Amino acid sequence: MLKYDPIEDTPEFQAIKEELDKKIIARIGEKHGMGYCHLYWSVKRNILKKDYGIEWRSPAEMNPGVLFD
């Protein structure tokens, strides 16, 4: 089972989740394919830090040794 950042379970994160997803899609679009997850996670991290002051770790950071496309 893959690990994820437990900050995602907090009420503060849950309260902004829908808004966050909209901001990410507005910035990069709804593309899919090789490497998209890394772009998505990078933008997500930046928005969380800049707009909400939240330090978030991506699935790639939480699961060293697992390859994500």
N, C-alpha and C. Protein backbone atom coordinates (compact mmCIF):
# COMPACT_ATOMS: atom_id res chain seq x y z
N MET A 1 0.84 -1.18 0.00
CA MET A 1 0.00 0.00 0.00
C MET A 1 0.89 1.24 0.00
N LEU A 2 0.55 2.18 -0.83
CA LEU A 2 1.34 3.41 -0.93
C LEU A 2 1.06 4.34 0.25
N LYS A 3 2.10 5.00 0.69
CA LYS A 3 1.98 6.00 1.75
C LYS A 3 1.61 7.33 1.12
N TYR A 4 0.95 8.17 1.91
CA TYR A 4 0.63 9.54 1.49
C TYR A 4 0.86 10.45 2.67
N ASP A 5 0.99 11.73 2.39
CA ASP A 5 1.24 12.69 3.46
C ASP A 5 0.01 12.77 4.37
N PRO A 6 0.16 12.48 5.65
CA PRO A 6 -0.99 12.50 6.56
C PRO A 6 -1.64 13.87 6.71
N ILE A 7 -0.98 14.91 6.24
CA ILE A 7 -1.60 16.24 6.29
C ILE A 7 -2.91 16.26 5.49
N GLU A 8 -3.01 15.34 4.51
CA GLU A 8 -4.22 15.26 3.69
C GLU A 8 -5.44 14.83 4.49
N ASP A 9 -5.24 14.26 5.66
CA ASP A 9 -6.35 13.82 6.50
C ASP A 9 -6.83 14.90 7.47
N THR A 10 -6.13 16.03 7.53
CA THR A 10 -6.51 17.07 8.48
C THR A 10 -7.74 17.83 8.00
N PRO A 11 -8.52 18.35 8.93
CA PRO A 11 -9.70 19.15 8.54
C PRO A 11 -9.31 20.37 7.70
N GLU A 12 -8.15 20.96 8.01
CA GLU A 12 -7.71 22.14 7.25
C GLU A 12 -7.48 21.80 5.79
N PHE A 13 -6.85 20.67 5.53
CA PHE A 13 -6.59 20.24 4.15
C PHE A 13 -7.90 19.87 3.46
N GLN A 14 -8.73 19.13 4.15
CA GLN A 14 -10.00 18.70 3.57
C GLN A 14 -10.88 19.90 3.19
N ALA A 15 -10.78 20.98 3.96
CA ALA A 15 -11.58 22.17 3.70
C ALA A 15 -11.18 22.88 2.40
N ILE A 16 -9.93 22.71 1.97
CA ILE A 16 -9.47 23.41 0.76
C ILE A 16 -9.28 22.47 -0.43
N LYS A 17 -9.53 21.19 -0.26
CA LYS A 17 -9.23 20.20 -1.27
C LYS A 17 -9.88 20.50 -2.64
N GLU A 18 -11.15 20.81 -2.64
CA GLU A 18 -11.85 21.08 -3.90
C GLU A 18 -11.30 22.35 -4.58
N GLU A 19 -11.10 23.39 -3.79
CA GLU A 19 -10.54 24.64 -4.32
C GLU A 19 -9.13 24.41 -4.86
N LEU A 20 -8.34 23.63 -4.13
CA LEU A 20 -6.98 23.31 -4.54
C LEU A 20 -6.97 22.60 -5.89
N ASP A 21 -7.82 21.59 -6.05
CA ASP A 21 -7.89 20.86 -7.31
C ASP A 21 -8.24 21.80 -8.47
N LYS A 22 -9.15 22.71 -8.26
CA LYS A 22 -9.53 23.67 -9.30
C LYS A 22 -8.35 24.57 -9.68
N LYS A 23 -7.59 25.00 -8.68
CA LYS A 23 -6.42 25.86 -8.94
C LYS A 23 -5.36 25.11 -9.73
N ILE A 24 -5.14 23.85 -9.39
CA ILE A 24 -4.14 23.05 -10.10
C ILE A 24 -4.55 22.87 -11.56
N ILE A 25 -5.79 22.47 -11.79
CA ILE A 25 -6.28 22.25 -13.16
C ILE A 25 -6.27 23.55 -13.95
N ALA A 26 -6.59 24.67 -13.32
CA ALA A 26 -6.56 25.96 -14.01
C ALA A 26 -5.15 26.30 -14.46
N ARG A 27 -4.16 25.89 -13.71
CA ARG A 27 -2.78 26.20 -14.03
C ARG A 27 -2.19 25.26 -15.09
N ILE A 28 -2.51 23.97 -15.02
CA ILE A 28 -1.84 23.01 -15.92
C ILE A 28 -2.78 22.22 -16.82
N GLY A 29 -4.08 22.35 -16.62
CA GLY A 29 -5.02 21.61 -17.46
C GLY A 29 -5.20 20.19 -16.97
N GLU A 30 -6.13 19.50 -17.62
CA GLU A 30 -6.46 18.12 -17.25
C GLU A 30 -5.79 17.14 -18.19
N LYS A 31 -4.50 17.22 -18.28
CA LYS A 31 -3.77 16.32 -19.15
C LYS A 31 -3.46 15.04 -18.40
N HIS A 32 -3.25 14.00 -19.16
CA HIS A 32 -2.84 12.73 -18.57
C HIS A 32 -1.74 12.16 -19.44
N GLY A 33 -0.98 11.31 -18.89
CA GLY A 33 0.09 10.68 -19.65
C GLY A 33 1.37 10.62 -18.83
N MET A 34 2.39 10.15 -19.49
CA MET A 34 3.68 9.96 -18.83
C MET A 34 4.19 11.27 -18.22
N GLY A 35 4.54 11.19 -16.96
CA GLY A 35 5.14 12.33 -16.28
C GLY A 35 4.17 13.36 -15.74
N TYR A 36 2.89 13.25 -16.09
CA TYR A 36 1.91 14.25 -15.65
C TYR A 36 1.83 14.33 -14.13
N CYS A 37 1.93 13.19 -13.45
CA CYS A 37 1.79 13.20 -12.00
C CYS A 37 2.86 14.07 -11.35
N HIS A 38 4.06 14.08 -11.90
CA HIS A 38 5.14 14.88 -11.31
C HIS A 38 4.87 16.38 -11.47
N LEU A 39 4.35 16.77 -12.63
CA LEU A 39 3.95 18.16 -12.83
C LEU A 39 2.82 18.53 -11.88
N TYR A 40 1.82 17.67 -11.80
CA TYR A 40 0.68 17.90 -10.91
C TYR A 40 1.15 18.08 -9.47
N TRP A 41 2.00 17.17 -9.00
CA TRP A 41 2.47 17.25 -7.62
C TRP A 41 3.31 18.49 -7.37
N SER A 42 4.11 18.89 -8.33
CA SER A 42 4.94 20.09 -8.18
C SER A 42 4.06 21.33 -8.05
N VAL A 43 3.07 21.44 -8.91
CA VAL A 43 2.15 22.59 -8.85
C VAL A 43 1.35 22.55 -7.55
N LYS A 44 0.90 21.36 -7.17
CA LYS A 44 0.15 21.21 -5.92
C LYS A 44 0.98 21.68 -4.73
N ARG A 45 2.24 21.25 -4.67
CA ARG A 45 3.12 21.66 -3.57
C ARG A 45 3.28 23.19 -3.53
N ASN A 46 3.49 23.78 -4.71
CA ASN A 46 3.69 25.23 -4.77
C ASN A 46 2.44 25.99 -4.34
N ILE A 47 1.27 25.57 -4.79
CA ILE A 47 0.03 26.24 -4.41
C ILE A 47 -0.22 26.08 -2.91
N LEU A 48 -0.04 24.88 -2.40
CA LEU A 48 -0.26 24.66 -0.97
C LEU A 48 0.66 25.54 -0.13
N LYS A 49 1.91 25.65 -0.52
CA LYS A 49 2.87 26.46 0.23
C LYS A 49 2.54 27.95 0.13
N LYS A 50 2.35 28.42 -1.11
CA LYS A 50 2.16 29.85 -1.34
C LYS A 50 0.79 30.35 -0.85
N ASP A 51 -0.26 29.63 -1.20
CA ASP A 51 -1.62 30.12 -0.91
C ASP A 51 -2.12 29.74 0.48
N TYR A 52 -1.62 28.63 1.04
CA TYR A 52 -2.18 28.14 2.29
C TYR A 52 -1.15 27.94 3.40
N GLY A 53 0.14 28.10 3.09
CA GLY A 53 1.17 27.91 4.10
C GLY A 53 1.30 26.46 4.56
N ILE A 54 0.94 25.53 3.68
CA ILE A 54 0.98 24.10 4.03
C ILE A 54 2.18 23.44 3.35
N GLU A 55 2.99 22.75 4.16
CA GLU A 55 4.09 21.95 3.64
C GLU A 55 3.54 20.56 3.33
N TRP A 56 3.62 20.14 2.09
CA TRP A 56 3.05 18.86 1.65
C TRP A 56 4.12 18.03 0.96
N ARG A 57 4.08 16.73 1.17
CA ARG A 57 5.02 15.81 0.54
C ARG A 57 4.28 14.95 -0.48
N SER A 58 4.85 14.84 -1.65
CA SER A 58 4.23 14.09 -2.75
C SER A 58 4.31 12.59 -2.50
N PRO A 59 3.49 11.82 -3.23
CA PRO A 59 3.61 10.37 -3.13
C PRO A 59 5.01 9.87 -3.47
N ALA A 60 5.68 10.51 -4.41
CA ALA A 60 7.06 10.10 -4.75
C ALA A 60 7.99 10.29 -3.56
N GLU A 61 7.80 11.38 -2.81
CA GLU A 61 8.62 11.61 -1.62
C GLU A 61 8.26 10.65 -0.49
N MET A 62 7.00 10.30 -0.39
CA MET A 62 6.54 9.42 0.67
C MET A 62 6.87 7.95 0.40
N ASN A 63 7.16 7.62 -0.84
CA ASN A 63 7.39 6.23 -1.24
C ASN A 63 8.69 6.10 -2.02
N PRO A 64 9.82 6.34 -1.35
CA PRO A 64 11.08 6.21 -2.07
C PRO A 64 11.24 4.78 -2.62
N GLY A 65 11.76 4.69 -3.79
CA GLY A 65 11.94 3.38 -4.40
C GLY A 65 10.79 2.97 -5.31
N VAL A 66 9.67 3.69 -5.23
CA VAL A 66 8.55 3.42 -6.12
C VAL A 66 8.66 4.36 -7.30
N LEU A 67 8.52 3.82 -8.50
CA LEU A 67 8.59 4.64 -9.71
C LEU A 67 7.19 5.06 -10.13
N PHE A 68 7.02 6.34 -10.30
CA PHE A 68 5.76 6.89 -10.77
C PHE A 68 5.98 7.45 -12.16
N ASP A 69 4.98 7.31 -13.03
CA ASP A 69 5.14 7.87 -14.38
C ASP A 69 4.40 9.14 -14.43
